[in-house]
PDB file of N, CA and C in Angstrom:
ATOM      1  N   MET A   1      10.840  -0.350  15.498  1.00  0.00           N
ATOM      2  CA  MET A   1      11.028  -1.267  14.235  1.00  0.00           C
ATOM      3  C   MET A   1       9.286  -1.644  13.602  1.00  0.00           C
ATOM      4  N   THR A   2       9.066  -1.757  12.465  1.00  0.00           N
ATOM      5  CA  THR A   2       7.672  -1.577  12.107  1.00  0.00           C
ATOM      6  C   THR A   2       7.906  -3.259  11.094  1.00  0.00           C
ATOM      7  N   SER A   3       6.902  -4.350  11.288  1.00  0.00           N
ATOM      8  CA  SER A   3       6.734  -5.852  10.882  1.00  0.00           C
ATOM      9  C   SER A   3       6.247  -5.208   9.445  1.00  0.00           C
ATOM     10  N   GLN A   4       6.384  -6.499   8.589  1.00  0.00           N
ATOM     11  CA  GLN A   4       5.746  -6.306   7.610  1.00  0.00           C
ATOM     12  C   GLN A   4       4.456  -6.113   7.541  1.00  0.00           C
ATOM     13  N   GLU A   5       4.210  -7.622   8.597  1.00  0.00           N
ATOM     14  CA  GLU A   5       2.874  -7.544   9.059  1.00  0.00           C
ATOM     15  C   GLU A   5       1.621  -6.298   9.388  1.00  0.00           C
ATOM     16  N   GLN A   6       3.016  -5.199  10.009  1.00  0.00           N
ATOM     17  CA  GLN A   6       2.140  -4.128  10.485  1.00  0.00           C
ATOM     18  C   GLN A   6       2.000  -3.366   9.276  1.00  0.00           C
ATOM     19  N   VAL A   7       2.703  -2.961   8.627  1.00  0.00           N
ATOM     20  CA  VAL A   7       2.537  -2.251   7.746  1.00  0.00           C
ATOM     21  C   VAL A   7       1.582  -3.120   6.944  1.00  0.00           C
ATOM     22  N   LEU A   8       0.880  -4.134   6.496  1.00  0.00           N
ATOM     23  CA  LEU A   8       0.293  -4.706   6.095  1.00  0.00           C
ATOM     24  C   LEU A   8      -1.603  -3.897   6.916  1.00  0.00           C
ATOM     25  N   GLN A   9      -1.197  -4.703   7.778  1.00  0.00           N
ATOM     26  CA  GLN A   9      -2.417  -4.478   7.937  1.00  0.00           C
ATOM     27  C   GLN A   9      -2.850  -3.006   8.173  1.00  0.00           C
ATOM     28  N   ARG A  10      -1.945  -2.337   8.368  1.00  0.00           N
ATOM     29  CA  ARG A  10      -2.748  -0.339   7.681  1.00  0.00           C
ATOM     30  C   ARG A  10      -2.626  -0.328   6.607  1.00  0.00           C
ATOM     31  N   LEU A  11      -2.142  -1.165   5.991  1.00  0.00           N
ATOM     32  CA  LEU A  11      -2.456  -0.998   3.713  1.00  0.00           C
ATOM     33  C   LEU A  11      -3.914  -1.086   4.020  1.00  0.00           C
ATOM     34  N   PHE A  12      -4.250  -2.159   5.089  1.00  0.00           N
ATOM     35  CA  PHE A  12      -5.675  -2.699   4.903  1.00  0.00           C
ATOM     36  C   PHE A  12      -6.846  -2.227   5.532  1.00  0.00           C
ATOM     37  N   VAL A  13      -6.447  -1.614   6.515  1.00  0.00           N
ATOM     38  CA  VAL A  13      -7.274  -0.144   6.764  1.00  0.00           C
ATOM     39  C   VAL A  13      -7.790   0.865   5.930  1.00  0.00           C
ATOM     40  N   HIS A  14      -6.497   1.403   4.976  1.00  0.00           N
ATOM     41  CA  HIS A  14      -6.464   2.241   4.081  1.00  0.00           C
ATOM     42  C   HIS A  14      -7.435   1.750   3.055  1.00  0.00           C
ATOM     43  N   LEU A  15      -6.994   0.486   2.422  1.00  0.00           N
ATOM     44  CA  LEU A  15      -7.685   0.358   0.989  1.00  0.00           C
ATOM     45  C   LEU A  15      -9.551  -0.588   1.623  1.00  0.00           C
ATOM     46  N   GLY A  16     -10.009  -0.584   2.925  1.00  0.00           N
ATOM     47  CA  GLY A  16     -11.279  -0.626   3.268  1.00  0.00           C
ATOM     48  C   GLY A  16     -11.844   0.961   2.970  1.00  0.00           C
ATOM     49  N   ARG A  17     -11.145   1.611   2.852  1.00  0.00           N
ATOM     50  CA  ARG A  17     -11.700   2.861   2.838  1.00  0.00           C
ATOM     51  C   ARG A  17     -11.843   3.396   1.129  1.00  0.00           C
ATOM     52  N   LEU A  18     -11.351   2.354   0.776  1.00  0.00           N
ATOM     53  CA  LEU A  18     -11.818   3.016  -1.124  1.00  0.00           C
ATOM     54  C   LEU A  18     -11.824   1.924  -1.866  1.00  0.00           C
ATOM     55  N   VAL A  19     -12.036   0.852  -1.237  1.00  0.00           N
ATOM     56  CA  VAL A  19     -12.822  -0.273  -2.055  1.00  0.00           C
ATOM     57  C   VAL A  19     -14.160  -0.165  -2.111  1.00  0.00           C
ATOM     58  N   ARG A  20     -14.973  -0.801  -3.524  1.00  0.00           N
ATOM     59  CA  ARG A  20     -16.301  -0.397  -3.505  1.00  0.00           C
ATOM     60  C   ARG A  20     -16.717  -2.285  -3.446  1.00  0.00           C
ATOM     61  N   ASP A  21     -17.649  -2.267  -2.895  1.00  0.00           N
ATOM     62  CA  ASP A  21     -18.529  -3.365  -3.441  1.00  0.00           C
ATOM     63  C   ASP A  21     -18.161  -4.840  -2.358  1.00  0.00           C
ATOM     64  N   LYS A  22     -17.538  -4.017  -1.194  1.00  0.00           N
ATOM     65  CA  LYS A  22     -17.093  -4.903  -0.210  1.00  0.00           C
ATOM     66  C   LYS A  22     -15.814  -6.020  -0.814  1.00  0.00           C
ATOM     67  N   ALA A  23     -15.043  -6.202  -2.007  1.00  0.00           N
ATOM     68  CA  ALA A  23     -14.490  -6.690  -2.500  1.00  0.00           C
ATOM     69  C   ALA A  23     -13.012  -7.378  -1.388  1.00  0.00           C
ATOM     70  N   ALA A  24     -13.231  -8.640  -1.737  1.00  0.00           N
ATOM     71  CA  ALA A  24     -12.205  -9.045  -0.442  1.00  0.00           C
ATOM     72  C   ALA A  24     -10.260  -8.407  -0.638  1.00  0.00           C
ATOM     73  N   ILE A  25     -10.595  -8.471   0.565  1.00  0.00           N
ATOM     74  CA  ILE A  25      -8.675  -8.145   0.633  1.00  0.00           C
ATOM     75  C   ILE A  25      -7.616  -8.789   1.274  1.00  0.00           C
ATOM     76  N   HIS A  26      -7.037  -9.188   0.821  1.00  0.00           N
ATOM     77  CA  HIS A  26      -6.047 -10.035   1.219  1.00  0.00           C
ATOM     78  C   HIS A  26      -4.985  -9.645   0.487  1.00  0.00           C
ATOM     79  N   PRO A  27      -3.474 -10.040   0.775  1.00  0.00           N
ATOM     80  CA  PRO A  27      -2.230  -9.863   0.796  1.00  0.00           C
ATOM     81  C   PRO A  27      -1.732  -9.860  -1.037  1.00  0.00           C
ATOM     82  N   ASP A  28      -2.428 -10.761  -1.695  1.00  0.00           N
ATOM     83  CA  ASP A  28      -1.871 -10.816  -2.857  1.00  0.00           C
ATOM     84  C   ASP A  28      -3.586 -10.528  -4.103  1.00  0.00           C
ATOM     85  N   VAL A  29      -4.317  -9.400  -3.040  1.00  0.00           N
ATOM     86  CA  VAL A  29      -5.379  -9.377  -4.410  1.00  0.00           C
ATOM     87  C   VAL A  29      -4.448  -7.992  -5.462  1.00  0.00           C
ATOM     88  N   ASP A  30      -5.169  -7.631  -6.377  1.00  0.00           N
ATOM     89  CA  ASP A  30      -4.794  -7.137  -7.477  1.00  0.00           C
ATOM     90  C   ASP A  30      -5.263  -5.675  -7.015  1.00  0.00           C
ATOM     91  N   LEU A  31      -4.673  -4.494  -6.854  1.00  0.00           N
ATOM     92  CA  LEU A  31      -4.925  -3.375  -6.510  1.00  0.00           C
ATOM     93  C   LEU A  31      -6.144  -2.864  -7.541  1.00  0.00           C
ATOM     94  N   VAL A  32      -5.459  -2.810  -8.658  1.00  0.00           N
ATOM     95  CA  VAL A  32      -6.279  -2.206  -9.668  1.00  0.00           C
ATOM     96  C   VAL A  32      -6.836  -3.438 -10.231  1.00  0.00           C
ATOM     97  N   GLN A  33      -6.358  -4.252 -10.923  1.00  0.00           N
ATOM     98  CA  GLN A  33      -7.657  -5.279 -11.616  1.00  0.00           C
ATOM     99  C   GLN A  33      -8.496  -6.288 -10.625  1.00  0.00           C
ATOM    100  N   GLU A  34      -8.193  -6.443  -9.337  1.00  0.00           N
ATOM    101  CA  GLU A  34      -9.173  -7.108  -8.473  1.00  0.00           C
ATOM    102  C   GLU A  34     -10.379  -6.254  -7.483  1.00  0.00           C
ATOM    103  N   LEU A  35      -9.655  -5.090  -7.497  1.00  0.00           N
ATOM    104  CA  LEU A  35      -9.741  -4.538  -6.304  1.00  0.00           C
ATOM    105  C   LEU A  35     -11.096  -2.573  -6.922  1.00  0.00           C
ATOM    106  N   GLY A  36     -10.420  -2.767  -8.109  1.00  0.00           N
ATOM    107  CA  GLY A  36     -10.833  -1.587  -9.070  1.00  0.00           C
ATOM    108  C   GLY A  36     -10.519  -0.368  -8.547  1.00  0.00           C
ATOM    109  N   LEU A  37      -9.561   0.160  -8.527  1.00  0.00           N
ATOM    110  CA  LEU A  37      -8.975   1.197  -7.840  1.00  0.00           C
ATOM    111  C   LEU A  37      -8.035   1.630  -9.161  1.00  0.00           C
ATOM    112  N   ASP A  38      -8.161   3.538  -8.938  1.00  0.00           N
ATOM    113  CA  ASP A  38      -7.928   3.652 -10.136  1.00  0.00           C
ATOM    114  C   ASP A  38      -6.702   4.642  -9.885  1.00  0.00           C
ATOM    115  N   SER A  39      -5.926   5.535 -10.533  1.00  0.00           N
ATOM    116  CA  SER A  39      -4.280   5.666 -10.496  1.00  0.00           C
ATOM    117  C   SER A  39      -4.875   7.007  -9.237  1.00  0.00           C
ATOM    118  N   ILE A  40      -5.684   7.785  -9.710  1.00  0.00           N
ATOM    119  CA  ILE A  40      -5.704   8.466  -8.320  1.00  0.00           C
ATOM    120  C   ILE A  40      -6.211   8.154  -7.005  1.00  0.00           C
ATOM    121  N   GLU A  41      -7.028   7.064  -7.009  1.00  0.00           N
ATOM    122  CA  GLU A  41      -7.214   6.268  -5.765  1.00  0.00           C
ATOM    123  C   GLU A  41      -5.737   6.092  -4.827  1.00  0.00           C
ATOM    124  N   VAL A  42      -5.194   5.499  -5.475  1.00  0.00           N
ATOM    125  CA  VAL A  42      -3.719   4.526  -5.052  1.00  0.00           C
ATOM    126  C   VAL A  42      -3.128   5.903  -4.375  1.00  0.00           C
ATOM    127  N   MET A  43      -2.920   6.818  -5.644  1.00  0.00           N
ATOM    128  CA  MET A  43      -2.110   7.931  -5.411  1.00  0.00           C
ATOM    129  C   MET A  43      -2.221   8.650  -4.136  1.00  0.00           C
ATOM    130  N   ASN A  44      -3.399   8.852  -3.823  1.00  0.00           N
ATOM    131  CA  ASN A  44      -3.683   9.608  -2.708  1.00  0.00           C
ATOM    132  C   ASN A  44      -3.679   8.593  -1.113  1.00  0.00           C
ATOM    133  N   MET A  45      -3.689   7.098  -1.621  1.00  0.00           N
ATOM    134  CA  MET A  45      -3.910   5.989  -0.343  1.00  0.00           C
ATOM    135  C   MET A  45      -2.405   6.251  -0.175  1.00  0.00           C
ATOM    136  N   LEU A  46      -1.329   6.497  -1.332  1.00  0.00           N
ATOM    137  CA  LEU A  46       0.209   6.569  -1.022  1.00  0.00           C
ATOM    138  C   LEU A  46       0.987   7.649  -0.249  1.00  0.00           C
ATOM    139  N   MET A  47      -0.331   8.276  -0.377  1.00  0.00           N
ATOM    140  CA  MET A  47       0.082  10.198   0.297  1.00  0.00           C
ATOM    141  C   MET A  47      -0.293  10.196   1.413  1.00  0.00           C
ATOM    142  N   GLU A  48      -1.011   9.024   2.023  1.00  0.00           N
ATOM    143  CA  GLU A  48      -1.788   8.755   3.318  1.00  0.00           C
ATOM    144  C   GLU A  48      -0.574   8.082   3.975  1.00  0.00           C
ATOM    145  N   ILE A  49      -0.227   6.894   3.377  1.00  0.00           N
ATOM    146  CA  ILE A  49       1.061   6.414   3.665  1.00  0.00           C
ATOM    147  C   ILE A  49       1.835   6.743   3.634  1.00  0.00           C
ATOM    148  N   GLU A  50       2.349   7.600   2.709  1.00  0.00           N
ATOM    149  CA  GLU A  50       3.905   8.632   2.903  1.00  0.00           C
ATOM    150  C   GLU A  50       4.026   8.992   4.605  1.00  0.00           C
ATOM    151  N   ASP A  51       2.777   9.868   4.626  1.00  0.00           N
ATOM    152  CA  ASP A  51       2.340  10.614   5.831  1.00  0.00           C
ATOM    153  C   ASP A  51       2.620   9.679   7.213  1.00  0.00           C
ATOM    154  N   GLU A  52       1.851   8.869   7.197  1.00  0.00           N
ATOM    155  CA  GLU A  52       2.161   7.835   8.412  1.00  0.00           C
ATOM    156  C   GLU A  52       3.016   7.245   8.834  1.00  0.00           C
ATOM    157  N   PHE A  53       4.277   6.951   7.709  1.00  0.00           N
ATOM    158  CA  PHE A  53       5.180   5.883   8.073  1.00  0.00           C
ATOM    159  C   PHE A  53       6.365   7.265   7.824  1.00  0.00           C
ATOM    160  N   ASP A  54       6.073   8.708   7.590  1.00  0.00           N
ATOM    161  CA  ASP A  54       7.346   9.314   7.480  1.00  0.00           C
ATOM    162  C   ASP A  54       8.281   9.154   6.148  1.00  0.00           C
ATOM    163  N   ILE A  55       8.002   7.929   5.434  1.00  0.00           N
ATOM    164  CA  ILE A  55       8.369   8.070   3.993  1.00  0.00           C
ATOM    165  C   ILE A  55       8.753   8.610   2.741  1.00  0.00           C
ATOM    166  N   SER A  56       9.235   8.827   2.123  1.00  0.00           N
ATOM    167  CA  SER A  56       8.701   9.278   0.695  1.00  0.00           C
ATOM    168  C   SER A  56       8.686   7.723  -0.454  1.00  0.00           C
ATOM    169  N   VAL A  57       7.825   7.690  -1.590  1.00  0.00           N
ATOM    170  CA  VAL A  57       8.006   6.089  -1.765  1.00  0.00           C
ATOM    171  C   VAL A  57       7.877   6.831  -3.374  1.00  0.00           C
ATOM    172  N   PRO A  58       9.162   6.456  -3.913  1.00  0.00           N
ATOM    173  CA  PRO A  58       9.610   6.923  -4.864  1.00  0.00           C
ATOM    174  C   PRO A  58       8.627   6.198  -6.833  1.00  0.00           C
ATOM    175  N   LEU A  59       8.329   6.776  -7.506  1.00  0.00           N
ATOM    176  CA  LEU A  59       7.182   6.246  -8.499  1.00  0.00           C
ATOM    177  C   LEU A  59       8.213   5.355  -9.162  1.00  0.00           C
ATOM    178  N   ASN A  60       9.302   5.219  -9.603  1.00  0.00           N
ATOM    179  CA  ASN A  60      10.069   3.962  -9.639  1.00  0.00           C
ATOM    180  C   ASN A  60       9.399   2.748  -8.862  1.00  0.00           C
ATOM    181  N   VAL A  61       9.334   2.795  -7.857  1.00  0.00           N
ATOM    182  CA  VAL A  61       8.879   1.522  -6.943  1.00  0.00           C
ATOM    183  C   VAL A  61       7.505   1.446  -6.868  1.00  0.00           C
ATOM    184  N   LEU A  62       6.095   2.464  -6.939  1.00  0.00           N
ATOM    185  CA  LEU A  62       5.057   2.136  -6.998  1.00  0.00           C
ATOM    186  C   LEU A  62       4.892   1.333  -8.486  1.00  0.00           C
ATOM    187  N   ALA A  63       5.345   1.362  -9.311  1.00  0.00           N
ATOM    188  CA  ALA A  63       5.399   1.363 -10.653  1.00  0.00           C
ATOM    189  C   ALA A  63       5.784  -0.519 -10.562  1.00  0.00           C
ATOM    190  N   GLU A  64       6.363  -0.871  -9.692  1.00  0.00           N
ATOM    191  CA  GLU A  64       6.309  -2.436  -9.594  1.00  0.00           C
ATOM    192  C   GLU A  64       5.534  -2.799  -8.567  1.00  0.00           C
ATOM    193  N   VAL A  65       4.523  -2.569  -7.755  1.00  0.00           N
ATOM    194  CA  VAL A  65       3.747  -3.259  -7.064  1.00  0.00           C
ATOM    195  C   VAL A  65       2.313  -2.824  -7.649  1.00  0.00           C
ATOM    196  N   ARG A  66       1.943  -4.640  -7.503  1.00  0.00           N
ATOM    197  CA  ARG A  66       0.513  -5.126  -7.862  1.00  0.00           C
ATOM    198  C   ARG A  66      -0.253  -5.211  -6.546  1.00  0.00           C
ATOM    199  N   THR A  67       0.456  -5.525  -5.784  1.00  0.00           N
ATOM    200  CA  THR A  67      -0.481  -6.137  -4.598  1.00  0.00           C
ATOM    201  C   THR A  67      -0.005  -5.914  -3.131  1.00  0.00           C
ATOM    202  N   PRO A  68      -0.498  -5.427  -2.292  1.00  0.00           N
ATOM    203  CA  PRO A  68      -0.978  -4.953  -0.807  1.00  0.00           C
ATOM    204  C   PRO A  68       0.742  -5.291  -0.444  1.00  0.00           C
ATOM    205  N   ALA A  69       0.512  -7.205  -0.573  1.00  0.00           N
ATOM    206  CA  ALA A  69       1.914  -7.347  -0.037  1.00  0.00           C
ATOM    207  C   ALA A  69       2.990  -7.131  -0.482  1.00  0.00           C
ATOM    208  N   GLN A  70       3.027  -6.405  -1.816  1.00  0.00           N
ATOM    209  CA  GLN A  70       4.322  -5.730  -2.609  1.00  0.00           C
ATOM    210  C   GLN A  70       4.732  -4.616  -1.893  1.00  0.00           C
ATOM    211  N   LEU A  71       3.375  -3.918  -1.896  1.00  0.00           N
ATOM    212  CA  LEU A  71       3.492  -2.509  -1.239  1.00  0.00           C
ATOM    213  C   LEU A  71       4.282  -2.698  -0.019  1.00  0.00           C
ATOM    214  N   ALA A  72       3.522  -3.383   0.793  1.00  0.00           N
ATOM    215  CA  ALA A  72       3.739  -3.427   2.328  1.00  0.00           C
ATOM    216  C   ALA A  72       5.519  -3.887   2.238  1.00  0.00           C
ATOM    217  N   GLN A  73       6.515  -4.881   1.638  1.00  0.00           N
ATOM    218  CA  GLN A  73       7.260  -4.985   1.541  1.00  0.00           C
ATOM    219  C   GLN A  73       8.314  -4.074   1.006  1.00  0.00           C
ATOM    220  N   ALA A  74       7.807  -3.165  -0.053  1.00  0.00           N
ATOM    221  CA  ALA A  74       8.591  -1.948  -0.513  1.00  0.00           C
ATOM    222  C   ALA A  74       8.386  -0.829   0.490  1.00  0.00           C
ATOM    223  N   ILE A  75       7.204  -0.803   1.318  1.00  0.00           N
ATOM    224  CA  ILE A  75       7.222   0.216   2.915  1.00  0.00           C
ATOM    225  C   ILE A  75       8.361  -0.132   3.804  1.00  0.00           C
ATOM    226  N   CYS A  76       8.610  -1.168   3.856  1.00  0.00           N
ATOM    227  CA  CYS A  76       9.264  -1.792   5.023  1.00  0.00           C
ATOM    228  C   CYS A  76      10.730  -1.550   4.170  1.00  0.00           C
ATOM    229  N   GLY A  77      10.990  -1.516   3.041  1.00  0.00           N
ATOM    230  CA  GLY A  77      12.837  -1.330   2.478  1.00  0.00           C
ATOM    231  C   GLY A  77      12.856   0.273   2.858  1.00  0.00           C
ATOM    232  N   LEU A  78      12.099   0.928   2.696  1.00  0.00           N
ATOM    233  CA  LEU A  78      12.138   2.294   2.755  1.00  0.00           C
ATOM    234  C   LEU A  78      12.405   2.881   4.076  1.00  0.00           C
ATOM    235  N   LEU A  79      11.760   2.040   5.131  1.00  0.00           N
ATOM    236  CA  LEU A  79      11.570   2.232   6.631  1.00  0.00           C
ATOM    237  C   LEU A  79      13.055   1.596   6.691  1.00  0.00           C
ATOM    238  N   GLU A  80      13.124   0.817   6.745  1.00  0.00           N
ATOM    239  CA  GLU A  80      14.796  -0.020   7.141  1.00  0.00           C
ATOM    240  C   GLU A  80      16.278   0.850   6.170  1.00  0.00           C
ATOM    241  N   ALA A  81      15.433   1.826   5.334  1.00  0.00           N
ATOM    242  CA  ALA A  81      16.781   2.313   4.785  1.00  0.00           C
ATOM    243  C   ALA A  81      17.208   3.778   5.799  1.00  0.00           C
ATOM    244  N   GLY A  82      16.084   4.380   5.996  1.00  0.00           N
ATOM    245  CA  GLY A  82      15.449   5.396   6.918  1.00  0.00           C
ATOM    246  C   GLY A  82      16.183   5.108   8.348  1.00  0.00           C
ATOM    247  N   GLU A  83      16.607   4.163   8.681  1.00  0.00           N
ATOM    248  CA  GLU A  83      16.806   4.020  10.214  1.00  0.00           C
ATOM    249  C   GLU A  83      18.605   4.061  10.159  1.00  0.00           C
TER     250      GLU A  83
END
């Protein structure tokens, strides 16, 4: 079983490759407003995450996600549902 903290740490790795200007990455940072990610970058990261965790994140779930913590929580929910 993967914990939310483990998922969050993996998200930070993926975000670290995308973030410009060395913006601070933390659980409650806004992916678009504060980190400056565009929709294509978010979708590319999501595809990497889906491959890594062998899940599929529905678009309606993604529409509600603004922060890494929220995304980690959604991923954990999908992982638990798949077990």
